[in-house]
Amino acid sequence: MRHQKKGKTLGRKKGPRKAMQRNLVTSFIIYEKIKTTEAKARVLRPLVEKIITLAKVDTLHHRRQALKTLYLPATVKKLFEVIGPKYQGRKGGYTRLVKLPPRKNDGAKMAVLELVE
């Protein structure tokens, strides 16, 4: 039974799922737009929102917290110098989820997650 088990498993165990989420967040920060399945995009959205909220205040503690999630130090630099200041006056809702037609190969629902201007 899955009582009190929050979050989607995406058909993976904890370690691979966490690694996949970190990869997706890192790629999203680099490219500012990512095309993935709708389920992965829905899981990714709150993680990205929290990271961007951290980046709005540029402190050493916030940079280290972001480094816990992001793989590359260059992405942390971009996050705090480019993306964070861009959303300084915004209280939330930094991302937009746009649904796409299903993938031809297996019919998986696809979506684009992008930053809001």
Protein backbone atom coordinates (compact mmCIF):
# COMPACT_ATOMS: atom_id res chain seq x y z
CA MET A 1 0.00 0.00 0.00
CA ARG A 2 1.19 3.51 -0.80
CA HIS A 3 -0.44 5.38 2.08
CA GLN A 4 1.31 8.67 2.87
CA LYS A 5 3.68 8.28 -0.10
CA LYS A 6 3.87 11.65 -1.80
CA GLY A 7 5.10 12.19 -5.35
CA LYS A 8 5.24 10.29 -8.62
CA THR A 9 7.62 7.36 -8.98
CA LEU A 10 7.82 7.52 -12.81
CA GLY A 11 8.50 3.78 -12.90
CA ARG A 12 11.90 4.09 -11.20
CA LYS A 13 13.49 3.41 -7.84
CA LYS A 14 14.56 6.33 -5.67
CA GLY A 15 18.19 6.67 -6.80
CA PRO A 16 17.62 6.65 -10.57
CA ARG A 17 14.53 8.86 -10.19
CA LYS A 18 16.45 11.46 -8.19
CA ALA A 19 19.33 11.41 -10.70
CA MET A 20 16.88 11.86 -13.59
CA GLN A 21 15.24 14.81 -11.83
CA ARG A 22 18.62 16.45 -11.21
CA ASN A 23 19.54 15.94 -14.87
CA LEU A 24 16.26 17.49 -16.01
CA VAL A 25 16.63 20.50 -13.70
CA THR A 26 20.23 21.05 -14.84
CA SER A 27 19.24 20.83 -18.51
CA PHE A 28 16.33 23.17 -17.92
CA ILE A 29 18.57 25.82 -16.34
CA ILE A 30 21.05 25.54 -19.23
CA TYR A 31 18.53 25.72 -22.09
CA GLU A 32 15.65 27.54 -20.32
CA LYS A 33 13.25 25.27 -22.21
CA ILE A 34 12.90 21.49 -22.22
CA LYS A 35 10.77 19.03 -24.18
CA THR A 36 9.89 15.91 -22.23
CA THR A 37 6.94 13.71 -21.33
CA GLU A 38 4.06 15.38 -19.57
CA ALA A 39 4.50 13.30 -16.40
CA LYS A 40 8.19 14.23 -16.10
CA ALA A 41 7.39 17.89 -16.77
CA ARG A 42 4.80 17.91 -13.99
CA VAL A 43 7.33 16.45 -11.55
CA LEU A 44 10.04 18.86 -12.75
CA ARG A 45 8.00 22.04 -12.40
CA PRO A 46 8.00 22.43 -8.58
CA LEU A 47 11.71 21.58 -8.41
CA VAL A 48 12.57 24.33 -10.90
CA GLU A 49 10.30 26.83 -9.13
CA LYS A 50 12.08 26.20 -5.82
CA ILE A 51 15.54 26.58 -7.39
CA ILE A 52 14.57 29.87 -9.05
CA THR A 53 13.14 31.15 -5.77
CA LEU A 54 16.52 30.39 -4.15
CA ALA A 55 18.28 32.31 -6.92
CA LYS A 56 16.35 35.51 -6.24
CA VAL A 57 18.56 36.17 -3.19
CA ASP A 58 22.24 35.74 -4.03
CA THR A 59 23.90 34.42 -0.87
CA LEU A 60 26.57 31.78 -0.37
CA HIS A 61 24.10 29.58 1.51
CA HIS A 62 21.59 29.70 -1.36
CA ARG A 63 24.33 28.93 -3.90
CA ARG A 64 25.38 25.87 -1.90
CA GLN A 65 21.79 24.69 -1.62
CA ALA A 66 21.42 25.02 -5.39
CA LEU A 67 24.67 23.07 -5.89
CA LYS A 68 23.10 20.19 -3.97
CA THR A 69 20.57 19.80 -6.77
CA LEU A 70 22.40 21.03 -9.88
CA TYR A 71 25.31 19.05 -11.31
CA LEU A 72 27.37 21.82 -12.92
CA PRO A 73 28.77 24.91 -11.16
CA ALA A 74 28.28 26.82 -14.45
CA THR A 75 24.52 26.27 -14.16
CA VAL A 76 24.54 27.69 -10.63
CA LYS A 77 26.38 30.74 -11.94
CA LYS A 78 23.84 31.22 -14.74
CA LEU A 79 20.96 30.67 -12.33
CA PHE A 80 22.12 33.33 -9.88
CA GLU A 81 23.44 35.88 -12.38
CA VAL A 82 20.88 35.64 -15.22
CA ILE A 83 17.68 33.87 -14.21
CA GLY A 84 17.36 34.95 -10.54
CA PRO A 85 17.51 38.71 -11.14
CA LYS A 86 15.08 38.39 -14.06
CA TYR A 87 12.33 37.20 -11.69
CA GLN A 88 13.14 39.52 -8.78
CA GLY A 89 9.71 41.18 -8.74
CA ARG A 90 7.70 38.01 -9.38
CA LYS A 91 6.31 35.95 -6.49
CA GLY A 92 6.03 32.64 -8.31
CA GLY A 93 4.89 31.00 -11.51
CA TYR A 94 8.23 31.18 -13.33
CA THR A 95 7.47 28.27 -15.67
CA ARG A 96 4.86 27.45 -18.30
CA LEU A 97 3.79 23.94 -19.27
CA VAL A 98 2.62 23.64 -22.89
CA LYS A 99 1.12 20.34 -23.98
CA LEU A 100 2.19 18.89 -27.34
CA PRO A 101 0.78 16.12 -29.55
CA PRO A 102 1.67 12.56 -28.52
CA ARG A 103 5.04 11.12 -29.52
CA LYS A 104 4.80 9.05 -32.71
CA ASN A 105 6.90 6.14 -31.48
CA ASP A 106 4.99 5.08 -28.35
CA GLY A 107 2.15 7.60 -28.08
CA ALA A 108 3.47 9.16 -24.85
CA LYS A 109 1.98 12.53 -23.95
CA MET A 110 4.59 15.22 -24.56
CA ALA A 111 5.00 18.72 -23.15
CA VAL A 112 7.35 21.69 -23.24
CA LEU A 113 8.37 23.32 -19.98
CA GLU A 114 9.69 26.85 -20.49
CA LEU A 115 10.45 29.97 -18.53
CA VAL A 116 7.85 32.74 -18.53
CA GLU A 117 9.13 36.10 -19.74
